[in-house]
C-alpha atoms as a PDB file:
ATOM      1  CA  MET A   1     -50.246  -8.620  13.897  1.00  0.00           C
ATOM      2  CA  ARG A   2     -50.161  -5.734  16.108  1.00  0.00           C
ATOM      3  CA  ASP A   3     -47.936  -7.560  18.734  1.00  0.00           C
ATOM      4  CA  ARG A   4     -45.634  -8.715  15.859  1.00  0.00           C
ATOM      5  CA  GLN A   5     -45.481  -4.791  14.542  1.00  0.00           C
ATOM      6  CA  TYR A   6     -44.866  -3.837  18.243  1.00  0.00           C
ATOM      7  CA  ARG A   7     -41.980  -6.129  18.636  1.00  0.00           C
ATOM      8  CA  LEU A   8     -40.609  -5.526  15.166  1.00  0.00           C
ATOM      9  CA  ASP A   9     -40.627  -1.413  16.131  1.00  0.00           C
ATOM     10  CA  ARG A  10     -38.891  -2.400  19.485  1.00  0.00           C
ATOM     11  CA  LEU A  11     -36.373  -4.310  17.562  1.00  0.00           C
ATOM     12  CA  SER A  12     -35.803  -1.535  15.105  1.00  0.00           C
ATOM     13  CA  SER A  13     -35.407   0.995  17.846  1.00  0.00           C
ATOM     14  CA  HIS A  14     -32.924  -1.434  20.071  1.00  0.00           C
ATOM     15  CA  THR A  15     -31.008  -1.580  17.111  1.00  0.00           C
ATOM     16  CA  LEU A  16     -30.593   1.815  16.076  1.00  0.00           C
ATOM     17  CA  THR A  17     -29.960   2.666  19.783  1.00  0.00           C
ATOM     18  CA  ASN A  18     -27.185   0.053  19.764  1.00  0.00           C
ATOM     19  CA  THR A  19     -25.712   1.315  16.529  1.00  0.00           C
ATOM     20  CA  GLY A  20     -25.593   4.723  17.949  1.00  0.00           C
ATOM     21  CA  ASN A  21     -24.021   3.872  21.099  1.00  0.00           C
ATOM     22  CA  THR A  22     -21.439   1.859  19.117  1.00  0.00           C
ATOM     23  CA  VAL A  23     -20.714   5.128  16.656  1.00  0.00           C
ATOM     24  CA  GLU A  24     -20.032   7.265  19.894  1.00  0.00           C
ATOM     25  CA  LYS A  25     -18.119   4.745  21.282  1.00  0.00           C
ATOM     26  CA  LEU A  26     -15.778   4.277  18.116  1.00  0.00           C
ATOM     27  CA  ARG A  27     -15.564   8.023  17.681  1.00  0.00           C
ATOM     28  CA  LYS A  28     -14.144   8.091  21.436  1.00  0.00           C
ATOM     29  CA  VAL A  29     -11.857   5.316  20.412  1.00  0.00           C
ATOM     30  CA  ASN A  30     -10.828   7.197  17.300  1.00  0.00           C
ATOM     31  CA  LYS A  31     -10.150  10.449  19.198  1.00  0.00           C
ATOM     32  CA  LEU A  32      -7.803   8.422  21.206  1.00  0.00           C
ATOM     33  CA  MET A  33      -5.859   6.460  18.383  1.00  0.00           C
ATOM     34  CA  THR A  34      -4.845   9.096  16.293  1.00  0.00           C
ATOM     35  CA  THR A  35      -2.412  12.163  16.671  1.00  0.00           C
ATOM     36  CA  ARG A  36      -4.391  15.524  17.358  1.00  0.00           C
ATOM     37  CA  LEU A  37      -4.021  18.914  18.149  1.00  0.00           C
ATOM     38  CA  GLU A  38      -6.358  20.341  20.695  1.00  0.00           C
ATOM     39  CA  MET A  39      -5.905  24.349  20.534  1.00  0.00           C
ATOM     40  CA  GLU A  40      -7.376  26.409  23.267  1.00  0.00           C
ATOM     41  CA  LYS A  41      -7.346  29.644  21.077  1.00  0.00           C
ATOM     42  CA  GLU A  42      -5.971  30.458  17.600  1.00  0.00           C
ATOM     43  CA  ILE A  43      -2.406  31.495  17.088  1.00  0.00           C
ATOM     44  CA  ASP A  44      -2.035  35.114  16.633  1.00  0.00           C
ATOM     45  CA  VAL A  45       1.272  36.271  16.106  1.00  0.00           C
ATOM     46  CA  GLU A  46       3.180  37.800  12.925  1.00  0.00           C
ATOM     47  CA  LYS A  47       5.664  35.814  10.812  1.00  0.00           C
ATOM     48  CA  PRO A  48       6.952  34.004  13.753  1.00  0.00           C
ATOM     49  CA  VAL A  49      10.105  31.716  14.388  1.00  0.00           C
ATOM     50  CA  PHE A  50       8.797  28.434  14.802  1.00  0.00           C
ATOM     51  CA  ILE A  51      10.643  26.529  17.523  1.00  0.00           C
ATOM     52  CA  GLU A  52      10.771  22.706  18.400  1.00  0.00           C
ATOM     53  CA  GLY A  53      12.056  20.961  21.434  1.00  0.00           C
ATOM     54  CA  LEU A  54      11.033  17.669  22.734  1.00  0.00           C
ATOM     55  CA  ALA A  55      12.346  14.975  24.790  1.00  0.00           C
ATOM     56  CA  GLY A  56      15.420  13.077  23.801  1.00  0.00           C
ATOM     57  CA  ILE A  57      19.047  12.617  24.467  1.00  0.00           C
ATOM     58  CA  GLY A  58      20.066  14.893  27.377  1.00  0.00           C
ATOM     59  CA  HIS A  59      16.651  16.120  27.186  1.00  0.00           C
ATOM     60  CA  ILE A  60      18.399  19.071  25.506  1.00  0.00           C
ATOM     61  CA  GLY A  61      15.503  20.035  23.138  1.00  0.00           C
ATOM     62  CA  LYS A  62      12.847  19.905  25.597  1.00  0.00           C
ATOM     63  CA  THR A  63      14.845  21.909  28.254  1.00  0.00           C
ATOM     64  CA  THR A  64      15.820  24.685  25.812  1.00  0.00           C
ATOM     65  CA  VAL A  65      12.321  25.424  24.672  1.00  0.00           C
ATOM     66  CA  SER A  66      10.847  25.012  28.381  1.00  0.00           C
ATOM     67  CA  TYR A  67      13.452  27.254  29.322  1.00  0.00           C
ATOM     68  CA  LEU A  68      12.240  29.889  26.695  1.00  0.00           C
ATOM     69  CA  VAL A  69       8.865  29.430  27.835  1.00  0.00           C
ATOM     70  CA  HIS A  70       9.548  30.152  31.682  1.00  0.00           C
ATOM     71  CA  HIS A  71      11.572  33.254  31.020  1.00  0.00           C
ATOM     72  CA  LEU A  72       9.743  35.007  28.320  1.00  0.00           C
ATOM     73  CA  ASP A  73       6.078  36.097  28.388  1.00  0.00           C
ATOM     74  CA  VAL A  74       4.461  33.236  26.437  1.00  0.00           C
ATOM     75  CA  GLU A  75       0.931  32.219  26.410  1.00  0.00           C
ATOM     76  CA  LYS A  76      -0.154  29.059  26.245  1.00  0.00           C
ATOM     77  CA  VAL A  77      -2.395  28.255  23.026  1.00  0.00           C
ATOM     78  CA  GLY A  78      -2.826  24.341  22.550  1.00  0.00           C
ATOM     79  CA  GLU A  79      -1.672  20.776  23.291  1.00  0.00           C
ATOM     80  CA  LEU A  80      -0.520  18.070  20.972  1.00  0.00           C
ATOM     81  CA  TYR A  81      -1.498  14.325  21.936  1.00  0.00           C
ATOM     82  CA  SER A  82      -0.409  11.099  20.255  1.00  0.00           C
ATOM     83  CA  HIS A  83      -1.481   7.436  20.663  1.00  0.00           C
ATOM     84  CA  HIS A  84       2.149   6.943  18.989  1.00  0.00           C
ATOM     85  CA  PHE A  85       3.672   8.171  22.358  1.00  0.00           C
ATOM     86  CA  PRO A  86       5.038   5.585  24.853  1.00  0.00           C
ATOM     87  CA  PRO A  87       2.317   4.230  26.946  1.00  0.00           C
ATOM     88  CA  TYR A  88       2.729   5.497  30.224  1.00  0.00           C
ATOM     89  CA  THR A  89       1.397   8.542  32.180  1.00  0.00           C
ATOM     90  CA  ILE A  90       2.961  11.751  34.314  1.00  0.00           C
ATOM     91  CA  ILE A  91       2.327  11.523  38.216  1.00  0.00           C
ATOM     92  CA  ASN A  92       1.978  14.929  39.032  1.00  0.00           C
ATOM     93  CA  ASP A  93       2.514  17.058  42.685  1.00  0.00           C
ATOM     94  CA  GLU A  94      -1.039  16.290  43.612  1.00  0.00           C
ATOM     95  CA  LYS A  95      -0.553  12.513  42.402  1.00  0.00           C
ATOM     96  CA  THR A  96      -2.949  12.502  39.372  1.00  0.00           C
ATOM     97  CA  VAL A  97      -1.858  11.246  36.255  1.00  0.00           C
ATOM     98  CA  ASP A  98      -1.543  13.227  32.940  1.00  0.00           C
ATOM     99  CA  LEU A  99      -1.311  11.828  29.093  1.00  0.00           C
ATOM    100  CA  LEU A 100       2.102  12.681  27.695  1.00  0.00           C
ATOM    101  CA  LYS A 101       1.432  15.437  25.225  1.00  0.00           C
ATOM    102  CA  ASN A 102       3.411  18.311  23.855  1.00  0.00           C
ATOM    103  CA  ASN A 103       2.710  22.077  24.690  1.00  0.00           C
ATOM    104  CA  ILE A 104       2.063  24.482  22.225  1.00  0.00           C
ATOM    105  CA  TYR A 105       2.945  28.350  22.940  1.00  0.00           C
ATOM    106  CA  GLN A 106       2.874  31.785  21.348  1.00  0.00           C
ATOM    107  CA  TYR A 107       5.127  34.743  22.280  1.00  0.00           C
ATOM    108  CA  ARG A 108       4.202  38.248  21.025  1.00  0.00           C
ATOM    109  CA  ASN A 109       7.626  40.097  20.858  1.00  0.00           C
ATOM    110  CA  GLU A 110       6.936  44.254  20.846  1.00  0.00           C
ATOM    111  CA  ASP A 111      10.599  44.676  20.278  1.00  0.00           C
ATOM    112  CA  GLY A 112      11.471  41.974  17.733  1.00  0.00           C
ATOM    113  CA  GLN A 113      10.818  38.659  16.578  1.00  0.00           C
ATOM    114  CA  ASP A 114       7.599  36.956  17.690  1.00  0.00           C
ATOM    115  CA  LEU A 115       7.753  33.061  18.223  1.00  0.00           C
ATOM    116  CA  VAL A 116       5.667  29.954  18.316  1.00  0.00           C
ATOM    117  CA  LEU A 117       6.832  27.294  20.676  1.00  0.00           C
ATOM    118  CA  ILE A 118       6.009  23.600  21.089  1.00  0.00           C
ATOM    119  CA  GLU A 119       7.819  21.396  23.904  1.00  0.00           C
ATOM    120  CA  GLY A 120       6.861  18.281  25.489  1.00  0.00           C
ATOM    121  CA  ASN A 121       7.760  15.123  27.489  1.00  0.00           C
ATOM    122  CA  ALA A 122       7.494  12.957  24.509  1.00  0.00           C
ATOM    123  CA  GLN A 123       8.090  11.885  20.963  1.00  0.00           C
ATOM    124  CA  ALA A 124       6.570   8.947  19.277  1.00  0.00           C
ATOM    125  CA  SER A 125       7.985   5.097  19.670  1.00  0.00           C
ATOM    126  CA  ASN A 126       7.509   4.032  16.521  1.00  0.00           C
ATOM    127  CA  PRO A 127       8.718   5.227  12.683  1.00  0.00           C
ATOM    128  CA  PRO A 128       5.220   5.805  11.483  1.00  0.00           C
ATOM    129  CA  GLY A 129       4.331   7.539  14.641  1.00  0.00           C
ATOM    130  CA  HIS A 130       7.211  10.032  13.981  1.00  0.00           C
ATOM    131  CA  TYR A 131       6.069  10.988  10.686  1.00  0.00           C
ATOM    132  CA  GLU A 132       2.642  11.384  11.924  1.00  0.00           C
ATOM    133  CA  VAL A 133       3.583  13.851  14.785  1.00  0.00           C
ATOM    134  CA  ALA A 134       5.958  15.794  12.529  1.00  0.00           C
ATOM    135  CA  GLU A 135       3.429  16.328   9.977  1.00  0.00           C
ATOM    136  CA  LYS A 136       1.101  17.459  12.493  1.00  0.00           C
ATOM    137  CA  ILE A 137       3.490  19.862  13.764  1.00  0.00           C
ATOM    138  CA  MET A 138       4.131  21.083  10.512  1.00  0.00           C
ATOM    139  CA  SER A 139       0.428  21.920  10.027  1.00  0.00           C
ATOM    140  CA  LEU A 140       1.132  24.256  13.154  1.00  0.00           C
ATOM    141  CA  VAL A 141       3.965  25.663  11.063  1.00  0.00           C
ATOM    142  CA  GLU A 142       1.686  26.278   8.134  1.00  0.00           C
ATOM    143  CA  LYS A 143      -1.133  27.760  10.046  1.00  0.00           C
ATOM    144  CA  ALA A 144       1.200  30.268  11.856  1.00  0.00           C
ATOM    145  CA  GLU A 145       2.937  31.200   8.626  1.00  0.00           C
ATOM    146  CA  ALA A 146       6.082  31.113  10.131  1.00  0.00           C
ATOM    147  CA  SER A 147       9.083  32.971   8.683  1.00  0.00           C
ATOM    148  CA  GLU A 148      11.469  30.458  10.024  1.00  0.00           C
ATOM    149  CA  VAL A 149      11.965  26.848  11.273  1.00  0.00           C
ATOM    150  CA  ILE A 150      14.293  26.128  14.373  1.00  0.00           C
ATOM    151  CA  THR A 151      14.381  22.564  15.821  1.00  0.00           C
ATOM    152  CA  VAL A 152      16.538  21.694  18.933  1.00  0.00           C
ATOM    153  CA  GLY A 153      17.954  18.084  19.998  1.00  0.00           C
ATOM    154  CA  GLY A 154      21.106  16.590  21.604  1.00  0.00           C
ATOM    155  CA  TYR A 155      24.073  14.765  19.968  1.00  0.00           C
ATOM    156  CA  GLY A 156      25.492  11.986  22.239  1.00  0.00           C
ATOM    157  CA  THR A 157      29.447  11.442  21.924  1.00  0.00           C
ATOM    158  CA  GLY A 158      30.007   9.482  24.911  1.00  0.00           C
ATOM    159  CA  ASP A 159      32.675  12.165  25.778  1.00  0.00           C
ATOM    160  CA  VAL A 160      32.737  14.677  28.761  1.00  0.00           C
ATOM    161  CA  VAL A 161      33.859  18.109  27.239  1.00  0.00           C
ATOM    162  CA  GLU A 162      34.238  21.415  29.041  1.00  0.00           C
ATOM    163  CA  ASP A 163      32.480  23.798  26.707  1.00  0.00           C
ATOM    164  CA  PRO A 164      30.226  21.740  24.546  1.00  0.00           C
ATOM    165  CA  ASP A 165      29.620  23.064  21.034  1.00  0.00           C
ATOM    166  CA  VAL A 166      26.183  23.225  19.279  1.00  0.00           C
ATOM    167  CA  PHE A 167      26.194  21.535  15.830  1.00  0.00           C
ATOM    168  CA  GLY A 168      24.054  22.648  12.923  1.00  0.00           C
ATOM    169  CA  ALA A 169      22.063  21.207   9.774  1.00  0.00           C
ATOM    170  CA  VAL A 170      20.243  23.599   7.841  1.00  0.00           C
ATOM    171  CA  SER A 171      17.589  23.300   4.838  1.00  0.00           C
ATOM    172  CA  LYS A 172      19.216  25.310   2.378  1.00  0.00           C
ATOM    173  CA  GLU A 173      23.261  25.205   2.215  1.00  0.00           C
ATOM    174  CA  GLU A 174      23.535  28.975   1.861  1.00  0.00           C
ATOM    175  CA  LEU A 175      22.091  29.278   5.464  1.00  0.00           C
ATOM    176  CA  LYS A 176      25.277  27.939   6.934  1.00  0.00           C
ATOM    177  CA  LYS A 177      27.200  31.120   6.760  1.00  0.00           C
ATOM    178  CA  GLU A 178      24.349  33.014   8.529  1.00  0.00           C
ATOM    179  CA  TYR A 179      23.957  30.653  11.196  1.00  0.00           C
ATOM    180  CA  SER A 180      27.473  29.891  11.597  1.00  0.00           C
ATOM    181  CA  GLU A 181      27.879  33.680  12.729  1.00  0.00           C
ATOM    182  CA  HIS A 182      25.908  32.832  15.754  1.00  0.00           C
ATOM    183  CA  GLY A 183      28.250  29.913  17.138  1.00  0.00           C
ATOM    184  CA  ILE A 184      26.818  27.025  15.459  1.00  0.00           C
ATOM    185  CA  LYS A 185      29.303  24.515  14.160  1.00  0.00           C
ATOM    186  CA  PHE A 186      28.751  23.154  10.807  1.00  0.00           C
ATOM    187  CA  GLY A 187      32.218  21.333  10.341  1.00  0.00           C
ATOM    188  CA  HIS A 188      31.193  18.186  11.870  1.00  0.00           C
ATOM    189  CA  ASP A 189      30.764  14.467  10.423  1.00  0.00           C
ATOM    190  CA  ILE A 190      27.257  13.750  11.821  1.00  0.00           C
ATOM    191  CA  GLY A 191      25.369  11.594   9.237  1.00  0.00           C
ATOM    192  CA  GLN A 192      21.926  11.301  10.530  1.00  0.00           C
ATOM    193  CA  ILE A 193      19.399  12.965  12.878  1.00  0.00           C
ATOM    194  CA  VAL A 194      16.869  10.689  14.806  1.00  0.00           C
ATOM    195  CA  GLY A 195      13.493  11.866  15.670  1.00  0.00           C
ATOM    196  CA  ALA A 196      11.373  15.075  15.360  1.00  0.00           C
ATOM    197  CA  SER A 197      14.024  17.607  15.213  1.00  0.00           C
ATOM    198  CA  GLY A 198      15.265  15.981  11.725  1.00  0.00           C
ATOM    199  CA  LEU A 199      12.049  15.207  10.313  1.00  0.00           C
ATOM    200  CA  ILE A 200      10.439  18.705  11.047  1.00  0.00           C
ATOM    201  CA  LEU A 201      13.899  20.058   9.158  1.00  0.00           C
ATOM    202  CA  ALA A 202      13.341  17.830   6.265  1.00  0.00           C
ATOM    203  CA  MET A 203       9.765  18.107   5.953  1.00  0.00           C
ATOM    204  CA  ALA A 204      10.388  22.466   6.341  1.00  0.00           C
ATOM    205  CA  ALA A 205      12.806  22.220   3.522  1.00  0.00           C
ATOM    206  CA  GLU A 206      10.527  20.480   1.321  1.00  0.00           C
ATOM    207  CA  LYS A 207       8.088  23.415   1.758  1.00  0.00           C
ATOM    208  CA  ASP A 208      11.187  25.785   1.190  1.00  0.00           C
ATOM    209  CA  TYR A 209      11.022  27.061   4.573  1.00  0.00           C
ATOM    210  CA  LYS A 210      14.458  28.734   6.257  1.00  0.00           C
ATOM    211  CA  GLY A 211      15.316  26.285   8.975  1.00  0.00           C
ATOM    212  CA  LEU A 212      18.136  25.130  11.052  1.00  0.00           C
ATOM    213  CA  CYS A 213      18.679  21.985  13.531  1.00  0.00           C
ATOM    214  CA  MET A 214      20.745  22.904  16.441  1.00  0.00           C
ATOM    215  CA  LEU A 215      22.207  19.779  18.401  1.00  0.00           C
ATOM    216  CA  GLY A 216      23.860  20.324  21.710  1.00  0.00           C
ATOM    217  CA  GLU A 217      26.863  18.100  22.323  1.00  0.00           C
ATOM    218  CA  THR A 218      26.398  16.009  25.172  1.00  0.00           C
ATOM    219  CA  PRO A 219      28.023  12.874  26.887  1.00  0.00           C
ATOM    220  CA  GLY A 220      24.988  11.048  26.254  1.00  0.00           C
ATOM    221  CA  PHE A 221      24.685   9.559  29.893  1.00  0.00           C
ATOM    222  CA  LEU A 222      22.794  12.386  31.557  1.00  0.00           C
ATOM    223  CA  MET A 223      19.012  12.261  32.088  1.00  0.00           C
ATOM    224  CA  SER A 224      19.615  16.100  31.606  1.00  0.00           C
ATOM    225  CA  ASP A 225      22.219  18.268  30.643  1.00  0.00           C
ATOM    226  CA  PRO A 226      22.109  21.638  31.621  1.00  0.00           C
ATOM    227  CA  LYS A 227      25.443  22.709  30.355  1.00  0.00           C
ATOM    228  CA  ALA A 228      24.528  21.964  26.885  1.00  0.00           C
ATOM    229  CA  THR A 229      21.392  23.377  27.177  1.00  0.00           C
ATOM    230  CA  GLU A 230      23.067  26.519  28.011  1.00  0.00           C
ATOM    231  CA  ALA A 231      25.240  26.269  24.973  1.00  0.00           C
ATOM    232  CA  ALA A 232      22.342  25.855  22.826  1.00  0.00           C
ATOM    233  CA  LEU A 233      20.219  28.927  24.639  1.00  0.00           C
ATOM    234  CA  GLU A 234      23.420  30.968  23.931  1.00  0.00           C
ATOM    235  CA  CYS A 235      23.134  30.230  20.364  1.00  0.00           C
ATOM    236  CA  ILE A 236      19.376  30.963  20.378  1.00  0.00           C
ATOM    237  CA  GLU A 237      19.996  34.262  22.147  1.00  0.00           C
ATOM    238  CA  LYS A 238      22.317  35.452  18.846  1.00  0.00           C
ATOM    239  CA  VAL A 239      20.043  34.005  16.227  1.00  0.00           C
ATOM    240  CA  LEU A 240      16.769  35.631  17.655  1.00  0.00           C
ATOM    241  CA  ASP A 241      18.575  38.753  19.089  1.00  0.00           C
ATOM    242  CA  ILE A 242      17.054  38.487  22.675  1.00  0.00           C
ATOM    243  CA  GLU A 243      18.391  38.232  26.112  1.00  0.00           C
ATOM    244  CA  LEU A 244      18.186  35.670  28.421  1.00  0.00           C
ATOM    245  CA  ASP A 245      19.202  35.206  32.324  1.00  0.00           C
ATOM    246  CA  PHE A 246      20.947  32.273  33.010  1.00  0.00           C
ATOM    247  CA  SER A 247      21.293  32.258  36.595  1.00  0.00           C
ATOM    248  CA  ASP A 248      18.820  29.561  36.828  1.00  0.00           C
ATOM    249  CA  LEU A 249      21.113  27.078  35.273  1.00  0.00           C
ATOM    250  CA  ASP A 250      24.221  27.665  37.415  1.00  0.00           C
ATOM    251  CA  GLU A 251      23.147  25.389  40.069  1.00  0.00           C
ATOM    252  CA  LYS A 252      22.063  22.382  37.758  1.00  0.00           C
ATOM    253  CA  ILE A 253      25.300  22.945  35.803  1.00  0.00           C
ATOM    254  CA  GLN A 254      27.316  22.455  38.726  1.00  0.00           C
ATOM    255  CA  GLU A 255      25.290  19.519  40.154  1.00  0.00           C
ATOM    256  CA  SER A 256      25.727  17.750  36.573  1.00  0.00           C
ATOM    257  CA  GLN A 257      29.560  18.436  36.653  1.00  0.00           C
ATOM    258  CA  GLU A 258      29.666  16.643  40.166  1.00  0.00           C
ATOM    259  CA  VAL A 259      27.909  13.932  38.846  1.00  0.00           C
ATOM    260  CA  LEU A 260      30.376  13.666  35.338  1.00  0.00           C
ATOM    261  CA  LYS A 261      33.140  13.703  37.504  1.00  0.00           C
ATOM    262  CA  LYS A 262      31.852  10.820  39.767  1.00  0.00           C
ATOM    263  CA  LEU A 263      31.077   8.859  36.377  1.00  0.00           C
ATOM    264  CA  GLN A 264      34.607   9.734  35.084  1.00  0.00           C
ATOM    265  CA  ASN A 265      35.885   8.414  38.350  1.00  0.00           C
ATOM    266  CA  LEU A 266      34.246   5.258  38.094  1.00  0.00           C
ATOM    267  CA  GLN A 267      35.127   4.742  34.613  1.00  0.00           C
ATOM    268  CA  GLN A 268      38.798   5.034  35.374  1.00  0.00           C
ATOM    269  CA  GLN A 269      38.589   2.616  37.962  1.00  0.00           C
ATOM    270  CA  GLN A 270      36.802   0.219  35.440  1.00  0.00           C
ATOM    271  CA  GLY A 271      39.619   1.042  33.012  1.00  0.00           C
ATOM    272  CA  GLN A 272      37.115   2.237  30.745  1.00  0.00           C
ATOM    273  CA  GLU A 273      37.122   5.362  28.580  1.00  0.00           C
ATOM    274  CA  GLN A 274      33.186   5.453  27.594  1.00  0.00           C
ATOM    275  CA  ASP A 275      30.078   4.816  29.330  1.00  0.00           C
ATOM    276  CA  PRO A 276      30.195   1.211  30.120  1.00  0.00           C
ATOM    277  CA  SER A 277      26.494   1.061  29.765  1.00  0.00           C
ATOM    278  CA  ASN A 278      26.475   2.091  26.057  1.00  0.00           C
ATOM    279  CA  SER A 279      29.272   2.157  23.770  1.00  0.00           C
ATOM    280  CA  ASP A 280      27.393   3.659  20.904  1.00  0.00           C
ATOM    281  CA  LEU A 281      25.941   7.167  22.036  1.00  0.00           C
ATOM    282  CA  GLY A 282      25.673   8.921  18.716  1.00  0.00           C
ATOM    283  CA  TYR A 283      21.841   8.746  19.045  1.00  0.00           C
ATOM    284  CA  ILE A 284      20.296  12.314  18.422  1.00  0.00           C
ATOM    285  CA  GLY A 285      16.770  13.372  19.478  1.00  0.00           C
END
């Protein structure tokens, strides 16, 4: 009888231990299978402008906000991860790998408007993920008690232009006049915005935030378009009433123009007017 009871006690203990291990494993898996914010510290700014710029066509959103991060005295406060990001990792200079993520920063501006910024090397790779990530970013907007939301993306036209425009969409029609005074164009026929930039603006509109989506005009076949980035930054300068040094972009703009000239020559030789690899470049992101 005692032996039987001993065996039952051991079985019960083993079952509980295994159950505990299973629960812990599930917690670890669930942590990966989600969209989550990992904050290093609480956001501590006053009525900031919230600015989003993620990877997309021409990387205009990402490079625009990254430029602000590197040229202002910002402080990193957290990161956003999601299992909806594409399934690859980034190999850094030390040959170690990092998960795709979006970085969150805050900027205390003693002379003007405080900022909260989010930039990153990935957007979601599926429709449900786009909504989930946008909703998580909106939770940051609300937590920061933002006074204004600005999202930045690109609009691929398939055409190379000397002076790219920055097209706009707003959360409220009455804002068009204000933002157009800062060089943002609203006389366009863009019918949709794909990705985080559009979703965040639409969600901000539903919650009655003052909001703007800026879309830098780009040919659409450059991995990165520094000239369109500069155009977007010039508009941000005016909207935020700040001064930026654009000298770091000059060399990159020159390099990109040389690439575009080679592409144009190649297209002319092939007798085509647009990028041969993609005749529909109207993707916005």
